[in-house]
Amino acid sequence: CSWDGGDCKDFYRKPVPVDGYPDCIVHYPEYIGDNFCDDYPPYNTEACSWDGGDCKESDRKPVDGYPDCKVHYPEVISDNYCHDWPPYNTEVCGLDGGDCRRP
């Protein structure tokens, strides 16, 4: 961002460890345990205790057309944007409902 006067310097924060989660290294530690499921790595991982408990397995919802696919935000499946992380970009979720391509 240095070519634009540095106005986006905060966007690319250096990853830091999260208090209470020694193996959880993230750009935005305030996202952990903020009562919103950040359903992507590194936040929704075992190291970060599933986003500090914000992403509960019991909160996952089924996705129409993909009987074995359960995600926190089913509305993003087949939204013309590739959510390139599990559980979205998996075989059971149809590679994000067709939004992602095979490598």
Protein backbone atom coordinates (compact mmCIF):
# COMPACT_ATOMS: atom_id res chain seq x y z
CA CYS A 1 0.00 0.00 0.00
CA SER A 2 2.99 2.34 0.08
CA TRP A 3 2.25 3.53 -3.44
CA ASP A 4 -1.07 5.04 -2.37
CA GLY A 5 0.08 7.18 0.52
CA GLY A 6 -0.30 4.39 3.08
CA ASP A 7 -4.07 4.76 3.50
CA CYS A 8 -4.56 1.00 3.60
CA LYS A 9 -1.72 0.21 6.00
CA ASP A 10 -4.15 -0.98 8.70
CA PHE A 11 -5.71 -3.44 6.24
CA TYR A 12 -2.53 -5.52 6.18
CA ARG A 13 -1.82 -5.85 9.89
CA LYS A 14 0.94 -8.14 11.03
CA PRO A 15 -0.44 -11.43 12.45
CA VAL A 16 -0.17 -11.67 16.23
CA PRO A 17 -0.88 -14.36 18.83
CA VAL A 18 -4.23 -14.17 20.62
CA ASP A 19 -4.28 -13.99 24.42
CA GLY A 20 -5.43 -17.31 25.82
CA TYR A 21 -4.85 -19.15 22.53
CA PRO A 22 -1.06 -19.56 22.17
CA ASP A 23 -1.25 -21.32 18.78
CA CYS A 24 -3.78 -18.88 17.33
CA ILE A 25 -2.00 -16.31 15.15
CA VAL A 26 -4.32 -13.87 13.34
CA HIS A 27 -4.38 -10.40 11.80
CA TYR A 28 -7.37 -9.26 13.85
CA PRO A 29 -7.33 -10.75 17.36
CA GLU A 30 -10.42 -8.73 18.27
CA TYR A 31 -12.43 -11.03 15.95
CA ILE A 32 -11.88 -13.96 18.34
CA GLY A 33 -14.82 -14.31 20.72
CA ASP A 34 -16.72 -11.28 19.40
CA ASN A 35 -20.05 -13.18 19.07
CA PHE A 36 -19.79 -13.35 15.25
CA CYS A 37 -18.60 -16.52 13.53
CA ASP A 38 -15.67 -15.68 11.25
CA ASP A 39 -16.11 -18.95 9.38
CA TYR A 40 -12.69 -19.14 7.70
CA PRO A 41 -9.10 -19.93 8.65
CA PRO A 42 -7.27 -19.01 10.73
CA TYR A 43 -10.19 -17.87 12.91
CA ASN A 44 -12.47 -20.92 12.69
CA THR A 45 -9.78 -23.46 13.54
CA GLU A 46 -9.00 -25.67 16.49
CA ALA A 47 -5.98 -23.47 17.35
CA CYS A 48 -8.31 -20.48 17.73
CA SER A 49 -10.94 -22.56 19.53
CA TRP A 50 -13.37 -22.18 16.64
CA ASP A 51 -13.23 -18.39 16.62
CA GLY A 52 -13.23 -18.23 20.40
CA GLY A 53 -16.45 -20.23 20.54
CA ASP A 54 -18.29 -18.05 18.01
CA CYS A 55 -18.45 -20.88 15.44
CA LYS A 56 -20.38 -23.70 17.05
CA GLU A 57 -20.86 -26.94 15.18
CA SER A 58 -24.50 -26.95 16.29
CA ASP A 59 -25.04 -23.61 14.50
CA ARG A 60 -24.22 -25.04 11.06
CA LYS A 61 -27.16 -25.18 8.67
CA PRO A 62 -27.90 -27.54 5.77
CA VAL A 63 -27.50 -26.31 2.20
CA ASP A 64 -30.24 -26.98 -0.35
CA GLY A 65 -29.04 -29.37 -3.03
CA TYR A 66 -26.07 -30.61 -0.98
CA PRO A 67 -27.42 -33.02 1.63
CA ASP A 68 -24.10 -33.55 3.43
CA CYS A 69 -23.08 -29.88 3.37
CA LYS A 70 -23.59 -27.94 6.59
CA VAL A 71 -22.15 -24.44 6.98
CA HIS A 72 -22.66 -21.37 9.11
CA TYR A 73 -23.67 -19.18 6.16
CA PRO A 74 -25.52 -21.26 3.52
CA GLU A 75 -26.47 -18.12 1.61
CA VAL A 76 -22.89 -17.79 0.34
CA ILE A 77 -22.99 -21.15 -1.47
CA SER A 78 -23.46 -20.44 -5.21
CA ASP A 79 -23.17 -16.67 -4.79
CA ASN A 80 -20.67 -16.28 -7.67
CA TYR A 81 -17.72 -15.83 -5.29
CA CYS A 82 -15.34 -18.67 -4.46
CA HIS A 83 -15.09 -19.08 -0.68
CA ASP A 84 -11.86 -21.02 -1.00
CA TRP A 85 -11.75 -22.62 2.44
CA PRO A 86 -13.49 -25.48 4.23
CA PRO A 87 -16.27 -26.24 4.65
CA TYR A 88 -17.39 -24.22 1.62
CA ASN A 89 -14.86 -25.32 -0.99
CA THR A 90 -15.29 -29.05 -0.43
CA GLU A 91 -16.74 -31.90 -2.47
CA VAL A 92 -19.75 -32.25 -0.14
CA CYS A 93 -20.58 -28.56 -0.68
CA GLY A 94 -20.13 -28.82 -4.44
CA LEU A 95 -16.93 -26.72 -4.39
CA ASP A 96 -18.86 -23.80 -2.97
CA GLY A 97 -21.87 -24.60 -5.11
CA GLY A 98 -19.80 -24.38 -8.28
CA ASP A 99 -18.19 -21.06 -7.42
CA CYS A 100 -14.76 -22.70 -7.01
CA ARG A 101 -12.98 -24.79 -9.62
CA ARG A 102 -10.88 -27.86 -9.12
CA PRO A 103 -7.17 -27.11 -8.89
